């Protein structure tokens, strides 16, 4: 169980609060809007109404005690930047901030944020990749070269074993799991037989996966 300070309870912040609640983490939520704070109460451990750019208020929250501080202020970048900077100055262990543009991402990383999430950019990339092939079911970019894909198993692979396909040797692609019967099966062996009615989780370089699965 982690202890999280969540600052900003707009739509994105509230969705984060709900997910953290599902994962049984402790969340202290903060927003300057009373209505937003009240709406988040069912999903957080505690909540306060306050101005996160006020150093005295922020210090009163004991930011050093949280495993991570997440800043999701969407309607005022200046406030988001000041909050991230103050959190780091007050000794926050990990500051994660939301950006809405490349320039915001750069400013946040230079002024207190340890990590930046850029939902629109990440969703745009996911949508572009997802719609380029009917094989792609999901996609997570790990860096500029490597990604994790969930793909439908090609019909020509039906009934073949992992060893027979040997895509690790041919393409440098690792098979991490197979999804079927509503579950992800991670126990992959050379004699594991693939079925076209299931999907496969693979890790590898973009170009290698595109070539292996004939993705345009």
C-alpha atoms as a PDB file:
ATOM      1  CA  UNK A   1       0.000   0.000   0.000  1.00  0.00           C
ATOM      2  CA  UNK A   2       1.324   3.418  -1.019  1.00  0.00           C
ATOM      3  CA  UNK A   3       0.566   6.845   0.412  1.00  0.00           C
ATOM      4  CA  UNK A   4      -0.220   9.377  -2.322  1.00  0.00           C
ATOM      5  CA  UNK A   5      -0.761  13.133  -2.276  1.00  0.00           C
ATOM      6  CA  UNK A   6      -3.008  14.021  -5.206  1.00  0.00           C
ATOM      7  CA  UNK A   7      -3.287  17.707  -6.103  1.00  0.00           C
ATOM      8  CA  UNK A   8      -5.942  18.656  -8.647  1.00  0.00           C
ATOM      9  CA  UNK A   9      -9.336  16.962  -8.813  1.00  0.00           C
ATOM     10  CA  UNK A  10     -10.540  17.714 -12.312  1.00  0.00           C
ATOM     11  CA  UNK A  11     -11.627  14.838 -14.524  1.00  0.00           C
ATOM     12  CA  UNK A  12      -8.123  13.388 -14.880  1.00  0.00           C
ATOM     13  CA  UNK A  13      -7.317  13.748 -11.180  1.00  0.00           C
ATOM     14  CA  UNK A  14     -10.611  12.204 -10.150  1.00  0.00           C
ATOM     15  CA  UNK A  15      -9.998   9.202 -12.430  1.00  0.00           C
ATOM     16  CA  UNK A  16      -6.573   8.745 -10.831  1.00  0.00           C
ATOM     17  CA  UNK A  17      -8.186   8.887  -7.382  1.00  0.00           C
ATOM     18  CA  UNK A  18     -10.706   6.229  -8.383  1.00  0.00           C
ATOM     19  CA  UNK A  19      -7.997   3.924  -9.733  1.00  0.00           C
ATOM     20  CA  UNK A  20      -5.833   4.359  -6.636  1.00  0.00           C
ATOM     21  CA  UNK A  21      -8.905   3.578  -4.531  1.00  0.00           C
ATOM     22  CA  UNK A  22      -9.445   0.349  -6.487  1.00  0.00           C
ATOM     23  CA  UNK A  23      -5.800  -0.530  -5.820  1.00  0.00           C
ATOM     24  CA  UNK A  24      -6.237   0.051  -2.057  1.00  0.00           C
ATOM     25  CA  UNK A  25      -3.746   2.908  -1.793  1.00  0.00           C
ATOM     26  CA  UNK A  26      -4.105   5.763   0.701  1.00  0.00           C
ATOM     27  CA  UNK A  27      -4.820   9.092  -0.980  1.00  0.00           C
ATOM     28  CA  UNK A  28      -4.811  12.623   0.374  1.00  0.00           C
ATOM     29  CA  UNK A  29      -6.629  14.740  -2.219  1.00  0.00           C
ATOM     30  CA  UNK A  30      -6.321  18.517  -2.553  1.00  0.00           C
ATOM     31  CA  UNK A  31      -8.131  21.048  -4.705  1.00  0.00           C
ATOM     32  CA  UNK A  32      -9.093  24.704  -4.373  1.00  0.00           C
ATOM     33  CA  UNK A  33     -12.656  23.901  -5.489  1.00  0.00           C
ATOM     34  CA  UNK A  34     -14.946  22.618  -2.725  1.00  0.00           C
ATOM     35  CA  UNK A  35     -17.303  20.909  -5.174  1.00  0.00           C
ATOM     36  CA  UNK A  36     -14.486  18.888  -6.696  1.00  0.00           C
ATOM     37  CA  UNK A  37     -13.196  17.893  -3.275  1.00  0.00           C
ATOM     38  CA  UNK A  38     -16.651  16.721  -2.194  1.00  0.00           C
ATOM     39  CA  UNK A  39     -17.040  14.697  -5.400  1.00  0.00           C
ATOM     40  CA  UNK A  40     -13.770  12.867  -4.699  1.00  0.00           C
ATOM     41  CA  UNK A  41     -14.483  12.026  -1.055  1.00  0.00           C
ATOM     42  CA  UNK A  42     -15.842   8.502  -1.751  1.00  0.00           C
ATOM     43  CA  UNK A  43     -12.540   7.548  -3.394  1.00  0.00           C
ATOM     44  CA  UNK A  44      -9.908   9.059  -1.099  1.00  0.00           C
ATOM     45  CA  UNK A  45      -8.658   8.563   2.443  1.00  0.00           C
ATOM     46  CA  UNK A  46      -8.742  12.261   3.237  1.00  0.00           C
ATOM     47  CA  UNK A  47      -9.203  15.546   1.397  1.00  0.00           C
ATOM     48  CA  UNK A  48      -8.594  19.238   1.918  1.00  0.00           C
ATOM     49  CA  UNK A  49      -9.640  22.435   0.191  1.00  0.00           C
ATOM     50  CA  UNK A  50      -6.642  24.665  -0.327  1.00  0.00           C
ATOM     51  CA  UNK A  51      -4.255  26.557  -2.585  1.00  0.00           C
ATOM     52  CA  UNK A  52      -1.321  24.331  -3.505  1.00  0.00           C
ATOM     53  CA  UNK A  53       0.765  27.373  -4.520  1.00  0.00           C
ATOM     54  CA  UNK A  54       0.684  28.525  -0.907  1.00  0.00           C
ATOM     55  CA  UNK A  55       3.892  27.222   0.644  1.00  0.00           C
ATOM     56  CA  UNK A  56       2.522  27.277   4.192  1.00  0.00           C
ATOM     57  CA  UNK A  57      -0.532  25.253   3.222  1.00  0.00           C
ATOM     58  CA  UNK A  58       1.529  22.758   1.236  1.00  0.00           C
ATOM     59  CA  UNK A  59       4.010  22.351   4.091  1.00  0.00           C
ATOM     60  CA  UNK A  60       1.128  21.611   6.477  1.00  0.00           C
ATOM     61  CA  UNK A  61       0.336  18.502   4.433  1.00  0.00           C
ATOM     62  CA  UNK A  62       3.680  16.902   5.341  1.00  0.00           C
ATOM     63  CA  UNK A  63       4.721  16.228   1.750  1.00  0.00           C
ATOM     64  CA  UNK A  64       7.828  14.291   2.856  1.00  0.00           C
ATOM     65  CA  UNK A  65       5.598  11.547   4.248  1.00  0.00           C
ATOM     66  CA  UNK A  66       4.062  10.543   0.903  1.00  0.00           C
ATOM     67  CA  UNK A  67       5.499   7.936  -1.416  1.00  0.00           C
ATOM     68  CA  UNK A  68       4.516  10.119  -4.369  1.00  0.00           C
ATOM     69  CA  UNK A  69       2.923  13.501  -5.022  1.00  0.00           C
ATOM     70  CA  UNK A  70       0.836  13.755  -8.197  1.00  0.00           C
ATOM     71  CA  UNK A  71       0.001  17.179  -9.645  1.00  0.00           C
ATOM     72  CA  UNK A  72      -2.914  17.095 -12.103  1.00  0.00           C
ATOM     73  CA  UNK A  73      -3.875  20.778 -12.227  1.00  0.00           C
ATOM     74  CA  UNK A  74      -5.211  21.219 -15.756  1.00  0.00           C
ATOM     75  CA  UNK A  75      -6.695  24.713 -15.939  1.00  0.00           C
ATOM     76  CA  UNK A  76      -3.700  26.794 -14.789  1.00  0.00           C
ATOM     77  CA  UNK A  77      -0.197  25.780 -15.826  1.00  0.00           C
ATOM     78  CA  UNK A  78       1.421  28.474 -13.692  1.00  0.00           C
ATOM     79  CA  UNK A  79      -0.181  26.940 -10.593  1.00  0.00           C
ATOM     80  CA  UNK A  80       0.900  23.468 -11.693  1.00  0.00           C
ATOM     81  CA  UNK A  81       4.483  24.605 -12.181  1.00  0.00           C
ATOM     82  CA  UNK A  82       4.629  26.443  -8.860  1.00  0.00           C
ATOM     83  CA  UNK A  83       3.128  23.468  -7.057  1.00  0.00           C
ATOM     84  CA  UNK A  84       5.656  21.019  -8.526  1.00  0.00           C
ATOM     85  CA  UNK A  85       8.508  23.354  -7.620  1.00  0.00           C
ATOM     86  CA  UNK A  86       7.284  23.868  -4.047  1.00  0.00           C
ATOM     87  CA  UNK A  87       6.756  20.139  -3.518  1.00  0.00           C
ATOM     88  CA  UNK A  88      10.355  19.418  -4.442  1.00  0.00           C
ATOM     89  CA  UNK A  89      11.653  22.294  -2.301  1.00  0.00           C
ATOM     90  CA  UNK A  90       9.658  20.915   0.646  1.00  0.00           C
ATOM     91  CA  UNK A  91      11.318  17.527   0.253  1.00  0.00           C
ATOM     92  CA  UNK A  92       8.773  15.456  -1.675  1.00  0.00           C
ATOM     93  CA  UNK A  93      10.210  12.054  -2.568  1.00  0.00           C
ATOM     94  CA  UNK A  94       8.614  11.762  -5.995  1.00  0.00           C
ATOM     95  CA  UNK A  95       6.766  14.467  -7.928  1.00  0.00           C
ATOM     96  CA  UNK A  96       4.682  13.419 -10.923  1.00  0.00           C
ATOM     97  CA  UNK A  97       3.038  16.224 -12.893  1.00  0.00           C
ATOM     98  CA  UNK A  98       0.640  16.466 -15.813  1.00  0.00           C
ATOM     99  CA  UNK A  99       1.612  18.347 -18.978  1.00  0.00           C
ATOM    100  CA  UNK A 100      -0.567  19.439 -21.878  1.00  0.00           C
ATOM    101  CA  UNK A 101       2.238  20.326 -24.315  1.00  0.00           C
ATOM    102  CA  UNK A 102       5.891  19.611 -25.027  1.00  0.00           C
ATOM    103  CA  UNK A 103       6.979  22.962 -23.620  1.00  0.00           C
ATOM    104  CA  UNK A 104       5.046  22.350 -20.402  1.00  0.00           C
ATOM    105  CA  UNK A 105       6.750  18.984 -20.081  1.00  0.00           C
ATOM    106  CA  UNK A 106      10.173  20.635 -20.380  1.00  0.00           C
ATOM    107  CA  UNK A 107       9.374  23.337 -17.824  1.00  0.00           C
ATOM    108  CA  UNK A 108       7.989  20.822 -15.322  1.00  0.00           C
ATOM    109  CA  UNK A 109      11.023  18.549 -15.576  1.00  0.00           C
ATOM    110  CA  UNK A 110      13.326  21.527 -15.061  1.00  0.00           C
ATOM    111  CA  UNK A 111      11.382  22.870 -12.101  1.00  0.00           C
ATOM    112  CA  UNK A 112      10.625  20.072  -9.676  1.00  0.00           C
ATOM    113  CA  UNK A 113       8.853  17.226 -11.464  1.00  0.00           C
ATOM    114  CA  UNK A 114      10.626  13.875 -11.414  1.00  0.00           C
ATOM    115  CA  UNK A 115       8.254  12.481 -14.006  1.00  0.00           C
ATOM    116  CA  UNK A 116       5.696  13.974 -16.366  1.00  0.00           C
ATOM    117  CA  UNK A 117       2.556  12.420 -17.791  1.00  0.00           C
ATOM    118  CA  UNK A 118       1.216  13.822 -21.043  1.00  0.00           C
ATOM    119  CA  UNK A 119      -2.212  12.151 -21.474  1.00  0.00           C
ATOM    120  CA  UNK A 120      -3.158  13.718 -24.807  1.00  0.00           C
ATOM    121  CA  UNK A 121       0.173  12.886 -26.433  1.00  0.00           C
ATOM    122  CA  UNK A 122       0.192   9.352 -25.068  1.00  0.00           C
ATOM    123  CA  UNK A 123      -3.412   8.741 -26.139  1.00  0.00           C
ATOM    124  CA  UNK A 124      -2.718  10.174 -29.592  1.00  0.00           C
ATOM    125  CA  UNK A 125       0.198   7.776 -30.048  1.00  0.00           C
ATOM    126  CA  UNK A 126      -1.903   4.861 -28.801  1.00  0.00           C
ATOM    127  CA  UNK A 127      -4.743   5.733 -31.185  1.00  0.00           C
ATOM    128  CA  UNK A 128      -2.438   6.133 -34.173  1.00  0.00           C
ATOM    129  CA  UNK A 129      -0.692   2.821 -33.513  1.00  0.00           C
ATOM    130  CA  UNK A 130      -3.932   0.996 -32.661  1.00  0.00           C
ATOM    131  CA  UNK A 131      -5.742   1.991 -35.848  1.00  0.00           C
ATOM    132  CA  UNK A 132      -2.931   1.074 -38.247  1.00  0.00           C
ATOM    133  CA  UNK A 133      -3.605  -2.657 -38.029  1.00  0.00           C
ATOM    134  CA  UNK A 134      -6.428  -4.957 -37.049  1.00  0.00           C
ATOM    135  CA  UNK A 135      -3.839  -7.133 -35.287  1.00  0.00           C
ATOM    136  CA  UNK A 136      -3.034  -4.499 -32.629  1.00  0.00           C
ATOM    137  CA  UNK A 137      -5.267  -4.739 -29.546  1.00  0.00           C
ATOM    138  CA  UNK A 138      -3.200  -2.646 -27.123  1.00  0.00           C
ATOM    139  CA  UNK A 139       0.106  -0.829 -27.022  1.00  0.00           C
ATOM    140  CA  UNK A 140       2.429   0.661 -24.394  1.00  0.00           C
ATOM    141  CA  UNK A 141       5.523   2.607 -25.475  1.00  0.00           C
ATOM    142  CA  UNK A 142       8.439   1.975 -23.118  1.00  0.00           C
ATOM    143  CA  UNK A 143      10.934   4.222 -24.893  1.00  0.00           C
ATOM    144  CA  UNK A 144      11.651   5.561 -28.387  1.00  0.00           C
ATOM    145  CA  UNK A 145      12.625   2.124 -29.672  1.00  0.00           C
ATOM    146  CA  UNK A 146      10.856  -0.494 -27.566  1.00  0.00           C
ATOM    147  CA  UNK A 147       7.176  -1.194 -26.862  1.00  0.00           C
ATOM    148  CA  UNK A 148       4.840  -3.745 -25.361  1.00  0.00           C
ATOM    149  CA  UNK A 149       2.085  -4.877 -27.719  1.00  0.00           C
ATOM    150  CA  UNK A 150      -0.977  -7.050 -27.378  1.00  0.00           C
ATOM    151  CA  UNK A 151      -1.779  -8.518 -30.770  1.00  0.00           C
ATOM    152  CA  UNK A 152      -4.174 -11.042 -32.196  1.00  0.00           C
ATOM    153  CA  UNK A 153      -2.391 -14.264 -33.092  1.00  0.00           C
ATOM    154  CA  UNK A 154      -1.988 -14.559 -36.886  1.00  0.00           C
ATOM    155  CA  UNK A 155      -4.010 -17.330 -38.491  1.00  0.00           C
ATOM    156  CA  UNK A 156      -0.871 -18.932 -39.911  1.00  0.00           C
ATOM    157  CA  UNK A 157       0.474 -19.334 -36.351  1.00  0.00           C
ATOM    158  CA  UNK A 158      -2.542 -21.376 -35.242  1.00  0.00           C
ATOM    159  CA  UNK A 159      -1.484 -24.707 -33.739  1.00  0.00           C
ATOM    160  CA  UNK A 160       2.228 -23.913 -33.770  1.00  0.00           C
ATOM    161  CA  UNK A 161       4.460 -23.863 -30.717  1.00  0.00           C
ATOM    162  CA  UNK A 162       6.582 -20.982 -29.478  1.00  0.00           C
ATOM    163  CA  UNK A 163       9.693 -23.005 -30.391  1.00  0.00           C
ATOM    164  CA  UNK A 164       8.489 -23.616 -33.946  1.00  0.00           C
ATOM    165  CA  UNK A 165       7.910 -19.901 -34.533  1.00  0.00           C
ATOM    166  CA  UNK A 166      11.103 -18.874 -32.709  1.00  0.00           C
ATOM    167  CA  UNK A 167      10.379 -15.142 -33.119  1.00  0.00           C
ATOM    168  CA  UNK A 168      12.926 -14.328 -30.435  1.00  0.00           C
ATOM    169  CA  UNK A 169      15.749 -15.636 -32.607  1.00  0.00           C
ATOM    170  CA  UNK A 170      14.332 -14.304 -35.876  1.00  0.00           C
ATOM    171  CA  UNK A 171      13.186 -10.865 -34.732  1.00  0.00           C
ATOM    172  CA  UNK A 172      14.466 -10.308 -31.178  1.00  0.00           C
ATOM    173  CA  UNK A 173      10.880 -10.307 -29.891  1.00  0.00           C
ATOM    174  CA  UNK A 174       9.990 -11.790 -26.490  1.00  0.00           C
ATOM    175  CA  UNK A 175       6.621 -13.438 -25.863  1.00  0.00           C
ATOM    176  CA  UNK A 176       5.523 -12.386 -22.368  1.00  0.00           C
ATOM    177  CA  UNK A 177       2.053 -13.880 -22.167  1.00  0.00           C
ATOM    178  CA  UNK A 178      -1.061 -15.145 -23.894  1.00  0.00           C
ATOM    179  CA  UNK A 179      -4.555 -13.845 -23.213  1.00  0.00           C
ATOM    180  CA  UNK A 180      -7.387 -16.350 -23.336  1.00  0.00           C
ATOM    181  CA  UNK A 181     -10.482 -17.321 -21.377  1.00  0.00           C
ATOM    182  CA  UNK A 182     -10.511 -13.855 -19.819  1.00  0.00           C
ATOM    183  CA  UNK A 183      -7.051 -14.301 -18.290  1.00  0.00           C
ATOM    184  CA  UNK A 184      -3.436 -13.571 -19.151  1.00  0.00           C
ATOM    185  CA  UNK A 185      -1.281 -16.693 -18.970  1.00  0.00           C
ATOM    186  CA  UNK A 186       2.335 -15.782 -18.216  1.00  0.00           C
ATOM    187  CA  UNK A 187       3.797 -19.282 -18.016  1.00  0.00           C
ATOM    188  CA  UNK A 188       5.173 -19.440 -21.550  1.00  0.00           C
ATOM    189  CA  UNK A 189       7.323 -22.434 -22.516  1.00  0.00           C
ATOM    190  CA  UNK A 190       8.900 -23.556 -25.827  1.00  0.00           C
ATOM    191  CA  UNK A 191       6.126 -26.165 -26.230  1.00  0.00           C
ATOM    192  CA  UNK A 192       3.296 -23.672 -25.597  1.00  0.00           C
ATOM    193  CA  UNK A 193       0.842 -23.989 -28.477  1.00  0.00           C
ATOM    194  CA  UNK A 194      -0.666 -20.809 -29.947  1.00  0.00           C
ATOM    195  CA  UNK A 195      -4.283 -20.504 -30.995  1.00  0.00           C
ATOM    196  CA  UNK A 196      -5.766 -17.956 -33.399  1.00  0.00           C
ATOM    197  CA  UNK A 197      -8.692 -17.299 -31.028  1.00  0.00           C
ATOM    198  CA  UNK A 198      -6.295 -15.839 -28.438  1.00  0.00           C
ATOM    199  CA  UNK A 199      -4.035 -12.797 -28.263  1.00  0.00           C
ATOM    200  CA  UNK A 200      -0.349 -12.533 -27.523  1.00  0.00           C
ATOM    201  CA  UNK A 201       1.687 -10.073 -25.432  1.00  0.00           C
ATOM    202  CA  UNK A 202       5.070  -9.323 -26.951  1.00  0.00           C
ATOM    203  CA  UNK A 203       7.976  -7.013 -26.131  1.00  0.00           C
ATOM    204  CA  UNK A 204      10.368  -5.742 -28.743  1.00  0.00           C
ATOM    205  CA  UNK A 205      11.539  -2.946 -31.002  1.00  0.00           C
ATOM    206  CA  UNK A 206       8.875  -1.218 -33.101  1.00  0.00           C
ATOM    207  CA  UNK A 207      10.423  -2.137 -36.444  1.00  0.00           C
ATOM    208  CA  UNK A 208      10.902  -5.776 -35.485  1.00  0.00           C
ATOM    209  CA  UNK A 209       7.274  -6.119 -34.371  1.00  0.00           C
ATOM    210  CA  UNK A 210       6.036  -4.369 -37.512  1.00  0.00           C
ATOM    211  CA  UNK A 211       8.043  -6.768 -39.663  1.00  0.00           C
ATOM    212  CA  UNK A 212       7.070  -9.884 -37.716  1.00  0.00           C
ATOM    213  CA  UNK A 213       3.348  -9.123 -37.683  1.00  0.00           C
ATOM    214  CA  UNK A 214       3.238  -7.394 -41.084  1.00  0.00           C
ATOM    215  CA  UNK A 215       2.029  -4.123 -39.601  1.00  0.00           C
ATOM    216  CA  UNK A 216       2.057  -1.225 -42.071  1.00  0.00           C
END
